[in-house]
């Protein structure tokens, strides 16, 4: 089990570094203590953005290895969240030298401290 460290203050620092200032409504989601959260909204309502920021904030909570999953019926349904994460990790300077975005397959970007973010679609479930 991963140990929690400086969660909120480090999370806020990361958000600032990637240029994200959450609204009060977004803070409610980002500060949720629950393992599972259901976020609903219309098209282009910001669900993918807030999901990626939630994961970015969780990434900051542990000092140990972390494994995070983006799961959907197919790869395309996780693409937006994955691309937001790539942008954020790139802005933080923690990505490896080359990243590819394969279509319809699992993908893992190189992250420090053995953190792992994977996307899985129907062929992998």
Foldseek 3Di string as FASTA:
>chain_A
DFAFDPQPVVLVVLCVLLVHDDDPVLVCVLPDPDPDDDDDDDPPPCPLVSVLSSVSSVVNTGPAEEEEEDEDQWDVVNVSNVVNNVSSCVSVVFWDDDADDDGGAWGWTDGPNNYTYIYHHNVVD
